[in-house]
Amino acid sequence: MSNKTHVYRPVVEWTGNIGSGTSDYCGYERAHVVSMPGKSDILGSSDPSFRGDDARWSPEDLFVASVSACHQLWYLHLCARAGVVVLAYRDEPIGTMIEDADGGGRFASIVLHPTAKVAAGSDKAKAISLHRDAHEMCFIANSVSCPVSIEPAVIE
């Protein structure tokens, strides 16, 4: 099977000029909009630790959510193929970022905590093991430099 290339082209536009641009570090908002034709806008900002708006999504929020969402979609796909009937799924991932003294930094880890509710009679051991397979297939987890681990739970 040959490789396929997929291209993504969102638009990220800064909307935080409140009059004088970036003439002063404290004189502009970190607000931005992520958009793409045919999709709802995502209102973004920096993390509040970096003068951002807590009511908007930060790049860090979106990064952790992207890893979680990709894992979820692969997991649901693999469960459907394996005959494991998932009725509900929720993850509360935790991303830990380390900020260096110079202001730079990196994510040290992401831990996913998915809980899948499966139909009575579904193979719970298989439902747990499919998380490993989903992790191996996840496009986003395969693209990041920090470790991503999974602490799954399955309930009926």
N, C-alpha and C. Protein backbone atom coordinates (compact mmCIF):
# COMPACT_ATOMS: atom_id res chain seq x y z
N MET A 1 0.85 -1.18 0.00
CA MET A 1 0.00 0.00 0.00
C MET A 1 0.89 1.24 0.00
N SER A 2 0.59 2.20 -0.84
CA SER A 2 1.42 3.40 -0.93
C SER A 2 1.01 4.41 0.13
N ASN A 3 1.95 5.27 0.47
CA ASN A 3 1.68 6.33 1.44
C ASN A 3 0.77 7.37 0.82
N LYS A 4 -0.06 8.00 1.65
CA LYS A 4 -0.91 9.10 1.23
C LYS A 4 -0.44 10.35 1.94
N THR A 5 -0.48 11.45 1.26
CA THR A 5 -0.13 12.73 1.86
C THR A 5 -1.40 13.54 2.08
N HIS A 6 -1.54 14.09 3.26
CA HIS A 6 -2.68 14.94 3.59
C HIS A 6 -2.13 16.31 3.96
N VAL A 7 -2.77 17.35 3.49
CA VAL A 7 -2.32 18.72 3.74
C VAL A 7 -3.43 19.46 4.49
N TYR A 8 -3.05 20.17 5.54
CA TYR A 8 -3.99 20.94 6.35
C TYR A 8 -3.59 22.40 6.28
N ARG A 9 -4.59 23.28 6.06
CA ARG A 9 -4.29 24.69 5.85
C ARG A 9 -5.21 25.61 6.65
N PRO A 10 -5.16 25.52 7.97
CA PRO A 10 -5.96 26.47 8.75
C PRO A 10 -5.36 27.87 8.64
N VAL A 11 -6.16 28.85 8.95
CA VAL A 11 -5.70 30.24 8.99
C VAL A 11 -5.68 30.65 10.46
N VAL A 12 -4.56 31.19 10.92
CA VAL A 12 -4.44 31.71 12.28
C VAL A 12 -4.19 33.21 12.15
N GLU A 13 -5.15 34.00 12.64
CA GLU A 13 -5.07 35.45 12.49
C GLU A 13 -5.11 36.13 13.84
N TRP A 14 -4.10 36.95 14.12
CA TRP A 14 -4.03 37.70 15.35
C TRP A 14 -5.10 38.80 15.32
N THR A 15 -5.87 38.90 16.39
CA THR A 15 -6.94 39.90 16.48
C THR A 15 -6.74 40.80 17.71
N GLY A 16 -5.55 40.79 18.28
CA GLY A 16 -5.30 41.46 19.54
C GLY A 16 -4.68 42.84 19.48
N ASN A 17 -4.66 43.47 18.31
CA ASN A 17 -4.13 44.84 18.24
C ASN A 17 -5.17 45.77 18.82
N ILE A 18 -4.86 46.37 19.96
CA ILE A 18 -5.82 47.27 20.62
C ILE A 18 -5.45 48.74 20.41
N GLY A 19 -4.68 48.98 19.37
CA GLY A 19 -4.40 50.37 19.00
C GLY A 19 -2.98 50.68 18.61
N SER A 20 -2.00 50.07 19.29
CA SER A 20 -0.61 50.42 18.97
C SER A 20 0.22 49.19 18.64
N GLY A 21 -0.44 48.13 18.23
CA GLY A 21 0.29 46.93 17.85
C GLY A 21 1.12 46.38 19.00
N THR A 22 2.29 45.92 18.69
CA THR A 22 3.18 45.34 19.70
C THR A 22 4.23 46.34 20.17
N SER A 23 3.86 47.62 20.20
CA SER A 23 4.82 48.64 20.64
C SER A 23 5.22 48.48 22.10
N ASP A 24 4.40 47.77 22.88
CA ASP A 24 4.69 47.53 24.28
C ASP A 24 4.21 46.12 24.63
N TYR A 25 5.01 45.36 25.37
CA TYR A 25 4.68 43.99 25.72
C TYR A 25 3.30 43.87 26.39
N CYS A 26 2.96 44.84 27.18
CA CYS A 26 1.68 44.82 27.89
C CYS A 26 0.58 45.53 27.12
N GLY A 27 0.88 46.05 25.96
CA GLY A 27 -0.06 46.88 25.22
C GLY A 27 -0.81 46.18 24.11
N TYR A 28 -0.83 44.87 24.10
CA TYR A 28 -1.60 44.15 23.09
C TYR A 28 -2.19 42.89 23.69
N GLU A 29 -3.27 42.44 23.09
CA GLU A 29 -3.90 41.19 23.52
C GLU A 29 -3.31 40.03 22.73
N ARG A 30 -3.37 38.87 23.32
CA ARG A 30 -2.86 37.66 22.67
C ARG A 30 -3.96 36.95 21.87
N ALA A 31 -5.08 37.62 21.67
CA ALA A 31 -6.24 37.04 21.00
C ALA A 31 -5.93 36.72 19.54
N HIS A 32 -6.46 35.58 19.10
CA HIS A 32 -6.37 35.18 17.71
C HIS A 32 -7.54 34.27 17.37
N VAL A 33 -7.75 34.08 16.08
CA VAL A 33 -8.82 33.20 15.62
C VAL A 33 -8.21 32.17 14.69
N VAL A 34 -8.57 30.91 14.93
CA VAL A 34 -8.18 29.82 14.04
C VAL A 34 -9.41 29.52 13.20
N SER A 35 -9.25 29.59 11.88
CA SER A 35 -10.40 29.39 11.02
C SER A 35 -10.05 28.53 9.81
N MET A 36 -11.09 28.05 9.18
CA MET A 36 -10.96 27.29 7.96
C MET A 36 -12.35 27.33 7.31
N PRO A 37 -12.42 27.51 6.01
CA PRO A 37 -13.73 27.55 5.36
C PRO A 37 -14.58 26.33 5.71
N GLY A 38 -15.83 26.59 6.07
CA GLY A 38 -16.76 25.52 6.37
C GLY A 38 -16.70 24.98 7.79
N LYS A 39 -15.84 25.55 8.63
CA LYS A 39 -15.71 25.08 10.00
C LYS A 39 -15.93 26.23 10.97
N SER A 40 -16.33 25.90 12.19
CA SER A 40 -16.49 26.91 13.22
C SER A 40 -15.13 27.48 13.61
N ASP A 41 -15.10 28.76 13.91
CA ASP A 41 -13.88 29.39 14.37
C ASP A 41 -13.51 28.90 15.77
N ILE A 42 -12.23 28.88 16.04
CA ILE A 42 -11.72 28.60 17.39
C ILE A 42 -11.12 29.91 17.89
N LEU A 43 -11.63 30.38 19.03
CA LEU A 43 -11.10 31.60 19.62
C LEU A 43 -9.90 31.24 20.48
N GLY A 44 -8.76 31.78 20.12
CA GLY A 44 -7.52 31.44 20.82
C GLY A 44 -6.89 32.62 21.51
N SER A 45 -5.97 32.30 22.40
CA SER A 45 -5.19 33.28 23.12
C SER A 45 -3.98 32.54 23.66
N SER A 46 -3.12 33.24 24.35
CA SER A 46 -2.06 32.53 25.06
C SER A 46 -2.60 32.08 26.41
N ASP A 47 -1.86 31.22 27.06
CA ASP A 47 -2.21 30.78 28.40
C ASP A 47 -2.22 32.02 29.32
N PRO A 48 -3.10 32.05 30.32
CA PRO A 48 -3.13 33.20 31.22
C PRO A 48 -1.77 33.49 31.87
N SER A 49 -0.93 32.49 32.02
CA SER A 49 0.41 32.71 32.57
C SER A 49 1.25 33.62 31.68
N PHE A 50 0.83 33.75 30.42
CA PHE A 50 1.57 34.56 29.45
C PHE A 50 0.69 35.70 28.92
N ARG A 51 -0.10 36.26 29.83
CA ARG A 51 -0.94 37.41 29.56
C ARG A 51 -2.12 37.09 28.64
N GLY A 52 -2.54 35.84 28.63
CA GLY A 52 -3.64 35.43 27.77
C GLY A 52 -5.00 35.47 28.44
N ASP A 53 -6.00 35.21 27.65
CA ASP A 53 -7.39 35.22 28.07
C ASP A 53 -7.81 33.79 28.42
N ASP A 54 -8.14 33.56 29.69
CA ASP A 54 -8.49 32.22 30.17
C ASP A 54 -9.77 31.68 29.53
N ALA A 55 -10.58 32.53 28.94
CA ALA A 55 -11.82 32.09 28.31
C ALA A 55 -11.59 31.56 26.89
N ARG A 56 -10.38 31.71 26.38
CA ARG A 56 -10.06 31.25 25.03
C ARG A 56 -9.11 30.05 25.09
N TRP A 57 -9.06 29.29 24.02
CA TRP A 57 -8.18 28.13 23.91
C TRP A 57 -6.74 28.58 23.68
N SER A 58 -5.82 28.05 24.46
CA SER A 58 -4.39 28.33 24.25
C SER A 58 -3.81 27.25 23.34
N PRO A 59 -2.67 27.52 22.71
CA PRO A 59 -2.02 26.47 21.92
C PRO A 59 -1.73 25.22 22.75
N GLU A 60 -1.42 25.43 24.03
CA GLU A 60 -1.14 24.30 24.91
C GLU A 60 -2.40 23.45 25.13
N ASP A 61 -3.55 24.12 25.35
CA ASP A 61 -4.83 23.41 25.48
C ASP A 61 -5.10 22.58 24.22
N LEU A 62 -4.94 23.23 23.07
CA LEU A 62 -5.24 22.58 21.80
C LEU A 62 -4.29 21.41 21.52
N PHE A 63 -3.05 21.55 21.92
CA PHE A 63 -2.06 20.49 21.73
C PHE A 63 -2.47 19.24 22.49
N VAL A 64 -2.77 19.40 23.78
CA VAL A 64 -3.17 18.26 24.61
C VAL A 64 -4.49 17.68 24.11
N ALA A 65 -5.44 18.55 23.76
CA ALA A 65 -6.73 18.09 23.24
C ALA A 65 -6.56 17.34 21.93
N SER A 66 -5.63 17.76 21.09
CA SER A 66 -5.39 17.08 19.81
C SER A 66 -4.88 15.66 20.02
N VAL A 67 -3.97 15.49 20.96
CA VAL A 67 -3.46 14.14 21.25
C VAL A 67 -4.62 13.27 21.75
N SER A 68 -5.43 13.81 22.65
CA SER A 68 -6.55 13.06 23.21
C SER A 68 -7.58 12.71 22.14
N ALA A 69 -7.95 13.68 21.31
CA ALA A 69 -8.97 13.44 20.28
C ALA A 69 -8.51 12.42 19.25
N CYS A 70 -7.25 12.49 18.86
CA CYS A 70 -6.72 11.53 17.89
C CYS A 70 -6.76 10.12 18.47
N HIS A 71 -6.35 9.97 19.71
CA HIS A 71 -6.40 8.66 20.37
C HIS A 71 -7.84 8.15 20.42
N GLN A 72 -8.76 9.02 20.81
CA GLN A 72 -10.17 8.64 20.90
C GLN A 72 -10.69 8.12 19.57
N LEU A 73 -10.41 8.84 18.49
CA LEU A 73 -10.93 8.45 17.18
C LEU A 73 -10.36 7.12 16.72
N TRP A 74 -9.07 6.90 16.95
CA TRP A 74 -8.49 5.59 16.61
C TRP A 74 -9.08 4.49 17.48
N TYR A 75 -9.26 4.77 18.76
CA TYR A 75 -9.81 3.78 19.67
C TYR A 75 -11.21 3.36 19.24
N LEU A 76 -12.08 4.32 18.96
CA LEU A 76 -13.44 4.00 18.53
C LEU A 76 -13.43 3.18 17.24
N HIS A 77 -12.56 3.54 16.32
CA HIS A 77 -12.43 2.81 15.06
C HIS A 77 -12.03 1.36 15.32
N LEU A 78 -11.01 1.18 16.14
CA LEU A 78 -10.52 -0.17 16.42
C LEU A 78 -11.55 -1.00 17.19
N CYS A 79 -12.27 -0.37 18.11
CA CYS A 79 -13.32 -1.09 18.83
C CYS A 79 -14.42 -1.54 17.87
N ALA A 80 -14.83 -0.66 16.98
CA ALA A 80 -15.88 -1.03 16.01
C ALA A 80 -15.44 -2.22 15.17
N ARG A 81 -14.18 -2.22 14.74
CA ARG A 81 -13.67 -3.34 13.93
C ARG A 81 -13.55 -4.62 14.74
N ALA A 82 -13.30 -4.50 16.05
CA ALA A 82 -13.08 -5.69 16.89
C ALA A 82 -14.37 -6.19 17.55
N GLY A 83 -15.47 -5.52 17.32
CA GLY A 83 -16.72 -5.95 17.92
C GLY A 83 -16.91 -5.52 19.36
N VAL A 84 -16.12 -4.57 19.83
CA VAL A 84 -16.30 -4.01 21.17
C VAL A 84 -17.22 -2.81 21.02
N VAL A 85 -18.39 -2.88 21.66
CA VAL A 85 -19.38 -1.82 21.50
C VAL A 85 -19.18 -0.76 22.58
N VAL A 86 -18.70 0.40 22.16
CA VAL A 86 -18.49 1.52 23.08
C VAL A 86 -19.75 2.38 23.07
N LEU A 87 -20.28 2.63 24.24
CA LEU A 87 -21.49 3.43 24.38
C LEU A 87 -21.19 4.87 24.77
N ALA A 88 -20.07 5.10 25.43
CA ALA A 88 -19.66 6.44 25.85
C ALA A 88 -18.15 6.44 26.03
N TYR A 89 -17.56 7.61 25.87
CA TYR A 89 -16.11 7.73 25.99
C TYR A 89 -15.82 9.12 26.51
N ARG A 90 -14.94 9.21 27.49
CA ARG A 90 -14.53 10.51 28.04
C ARG A 90 -13.07 10.42 28.44
N ASP A 91 -12.32 11.44 28.12
CA ASP A 91 -10.92 11.50 28.52
C ASP A 91 -10.69 12.81 29.26
N GLU A 92 -9.87 12.75 30.28
CA GLU A 92 -9.43 13.94 31.00
C GLU A 92 -7.91 13.94 31.00
N PRO A 93 -7.32 14.30 29.85
CA PRO A 93 -5.86 14.23 29.72
C PRO A 93 -5.17 15.30 30.56
N ILE A 94 -3.92 15.01 30.90
CA ILE A 94 -3.10 15.97 31.64
C ILE A 94 -1.81 16.16 30.87
N GLY A 95 -1.56 17.39 30.44
CA GLY A 95 -0.31 17.73 29.79
C GLY A 95 0.54 18.54 30.75
N THR A 96 1.79 18.17 30.89
CA THR A 96 2.70 18.88 31.78
C THR A 96 3.77 19.57 30.94
N MET A 97 3.83 20.89 31.06
CA MET A 97 4.80 21.68 30.32
C MET A 97 5.80 22.27 31.29
N ILE A 98 7.06 22.27 30.90
CA ILE A 98 8.13 22.84 31.70
C ILE A 98 8.59 24.13 31.01
N GLU A 99 8.55 25.22 31.74
CA GLU A 99 9.02 26.50 31.21
C GLU A 99 10.45 26.73 31.69
N ASP A 100 11.34 27.02 30.75
CA ASP A 100 12.73 27.29 31.07
C ASP A 100 12.89 28.70 31.62
N ALA A 101 14.03 28.95 32.23
CA ALA A 101 14.32 30.27 32.80
C ALA A 101 14.27 31.38 31.76
N ASP A 102 14.61 31.05 30.50
CA ASP A 102 14.61 32.07 29.44
C ASP A 102 13.23 32.27 28.81
N GLY A 103 12.21 31.53 29.31
CA GLY A 103 10.85 31.68 28.79
C GLY A 103 10.45 30.62 27.79
N GLY A 104 11.41 29.91 27.21
CA GLY A 104 11.10 28.82 26.29
C GLY A 104 10.63 27.61 27.09
N GLY A 105 10.43 26.52 26.43
CA GLY A 105 10.04 25.33 27.15
C GLY A 105 9.55 24.23 26.25
N ARG A 106 8.96 23.21 26.90
CA ARG A 106 8.50 22.05 26.15
C ARG A 106 7.54 21.27 27.03
N PHE A 107 6.75 20.44 26.38
CA PHE A 107 5.92 19.51 27.14
C PHE A 107 6.79 18.36 27.60
N ALA A 108 6.69 18.03 28.87
CA ALA A 108 7.44 16.92 29.44
C ALA A 108 6.67 15.62 29.30
N SER A 109 5.33 15.72 29.32
CA SER A 109 4.52 14.51 29.20
C SER A 109 3.07 14.86 28.95
N ILE A 110 2.37 13.88 28.39
CA ILE A 110 0.92 13.92 28.29
C ILE A 110 0.43 12.56 28.77
N VAL A 111 -0.52 12.59 29.70
CA VAL A 111 -1.11 11.34 30.20
C VAL A 111 -2.60 11.39 29.86
N LEU A 112 -3.04 10.41 29.10
CA LEU A 112 -4.45 10.28 28.76
C LEU A 112 -5.13 9.42 29.83
N HIS A 113 -6.35 9.78 30.19
CA HIS A 113 -7.13 9.04 31.19
C HIS A 113 -8.50 8.69 30.60
N PRO A 114 -8.52 7.94 29.51
CA PRO A 114 -9.81 7.64 28.87
C PRO A 114 -10.62 6.63 29.67
N THR A 115 -11.91 6.89 29.75
CA THR A 115 -12.85 5.93 30.33
C THR A 115 -13.88 5.62 29.24
N ALA A 116 -13.96 4.34 28.90
CA ALA A 116 -14.92 3.89 27.90
C ALA A 116 -16.01 3.08 28.59
N LYS A 117 -17.25 3.42 28.28
CA LYS A 117 -18.36 2.60 28.75
C LYS A 117 -18.71 1.66 27.61
N VAL A 118 -18.66 0.36 27.88
CA VAL A 118 -18.93 -0.62 26.83
C VAL A 118 -20.25 -1.33 27.13
N ALA A 119 -20.85 -1.86 26.08
CA ALA A 119 -22.10 -2.60 26.22
C ALA A 119 -21.87 -3.89 26.99
N ALA A 120 -22.88 -4.30 27.72
CA ALA A 120 -22.80 -5.59 28.42
C ALA A 120 -22.46 -6.67 27.41
N GLY A 121 -21.56 -7.55 27.80
CA GLY A 121 -21.14 -8.63 26.91
C GLY A 121 -19.92 -8.30 26.07
N SER A 122 -19.53 -7.02 26.03
CA SER A 122 -18.30 -6.67 25.31
C SER A 122 -17.10 -7.18 26.08
N ASP A 123 -16.06 -7.53 25.38
CA ASP A 123 -14.83 -8.06 25.98
C ASP A 123 -14.05 -6.90 26.61
N LYS A 124 -14.10 -6.79 27.94
CA LYS A 124 -13.46 -5.67 28.63
C LYS A 124 -11.93 -5.72 28.49
N ALA A 125 -11.36 -6.91 28.52
CA ALA A 125 -9.90 -7.03 28.35
C ALA A 125 -9.50 -6.54 26.96
N LYS A 126 -10.27 -6.89 25.95
CA LYS A 126 -9.99 -6.43 24.58
C LYS A 126 -10.15 -4.91 24.52
N ALA A 127 -11.19 -4.39 25.20
CA ALA A 127 -11.41 -2.95 25.20
C ALA A 127 -10.22 -2.21 25.79
N ILE A 128 -9.62 -2.76 26.82
CA ILE A 128 -8.42 -2.14 27.41
C ILE A 128 -7.24 -2.27 26.46
N SER A 129 -7.03 -3.44 25.89
CA SER A 129 -5.85 -3.67 25.04
C SER A 129 -5.88 -2.83 23.76
N LEU A 130 -7.07 -2.48 23.30
CA LEU A 130 -7.17 -1.68 22.08
C LEU A 130 -6.62 -0.27 22.27
N HIS A 131 -6.48 0.17 23.51
CA HIS A 131 -5.85 1.48 23.74
C HIS A 131 -4.39 1.46 23.28
N ARG A 132 -3.70 0.35 23.50
CA ARG A 132 -2.31 0.24 23.04
C ARG A 132 -2.25 0.37 21.51
N ASP A 133 -3.16 -0.32 20.84
CA ASP A 133 -3.19 -0.27 19.38
C ASP A 133 -3.54 1.14 18.88
N ALA A 134 -4.50 1.77 19.55
CA ALA A 134 -4.88 3.13 19.18
C ALA A 134 -3.69 4.08 19.35
N HIS A 135 -2.94 3.90 20.42
CA HIS A 135 -1.77 4.75 20.65
C HIS A 135 -0.74 4.57 19.54
N GLU A 136 -0.54 3.34 19.12
CA GLU A 136 0.43 3.07 18.05
C GLU A 136 0.00 3.66 16.72
N MET A 137 -1.30 3.81 16.50
CA MET A 137 -1.81 4.33 15.23
C MET A 137 -2.00 5.85 15.23
N CYS A 138 -2.07 6.46 16.39
CA CYS A 138 -2.42 7.88 16.50
C CYS A 138 -1.43 8.78 15.77
N PHE A 139 -1.93 9.51 14.79
CA PHE A 139 -1.09 10.42 13.99
C PHE A 139 -0.41 11.47 14.87
N ILE A 140 -1.17 12.02 15.80
CA ILE A 140 -0.64 13.11 16.61
C ILE A 140 0.40 12.59 17.61
N ALA A 141 0.07 11.52 18.33
CA ALA A 141 1.03 10.96 19.29
C ALA A 141 2.32 10.53 18.61
N ASN A 142 2.22 10.07 17.37
CA ASN A 142 3.41 9.67 16.61
C ASN A 142 4.23 10.86 16.12
N SER A 143 3.69 12.05 16.30
CA SER A 143 4.35 13.26 15.78
C SER A 143 4.94 14.15 16.86
N VAL A 144 4.73 13.83 18.12
CA VAL A 144 5.19 14.70 19.19
C VAL A 144 6.47 14.16 19.81
N SER A 145 7.24 15.04 20.44
CA SER A 145 8.51 14.62 21.04
C SER A 145 8.40 14.24 22.51
N CYS A 146 7.31 14.61 23.16
CA CYS A 146 7.17 14.24 24.58
C CYS A 146 6.51 12.87 24.69
N PRO A 147 6.75 12.18 25.79
CA PRO A 147 6.09 10.89 25.97
C PRO A 147 4.58 11.07 26.18
N VAL A 148 3.82 10.15 25.59
CA VAL A 148 2.38 10.11 25.78
C VAL A 148 2.06 8.74 26.37
N SER A 149 1.39 8.74 27.51
CA SER A 149 1.02 7.47 28.14
C SER A 149 -0.50 7.44 28.33
N ILE A 150 -1.01 6.22 28.53
CA ILE A 150 -2.45 6.02 28.65
C ILE A 150 -2.74 5.25 29.92
N GLU A 151 -3.70 5.75 30.69
CA GLU A 151 -4.18 5.06 31.89
C GLU A 151 -5.68 4.85 31.71
N PRO A 152 -6.06 3.80 30.93
CA PRO A 152 -7.46 3.62 30.56
C PRO A 152 -8.29 2.92 31.63
N ALA A 153 -9.59 3.15 31.53
CA ALA A 153 -10.57 2.44 32.35
C ALA A 153 -11.72 2.04 31.44
N VAL A 154 -12.31 0.89 31.72
CA VAL A 154 -13.48 0.42 30.99
C VAL A 154 -14.55 0.06 32.00
N ILE A 155 -15.75 0.55 31.75
CA ILE A 155 -16.87 0.26 32.63
C ILE A 155 -18.04 -0.25 31.79
N GLU A 156 -18.96 -0.96 32.44
CA GLU A 156 -20.18 -1.41 31.74
C GLU A 156 -21.35 -0.59 32.24
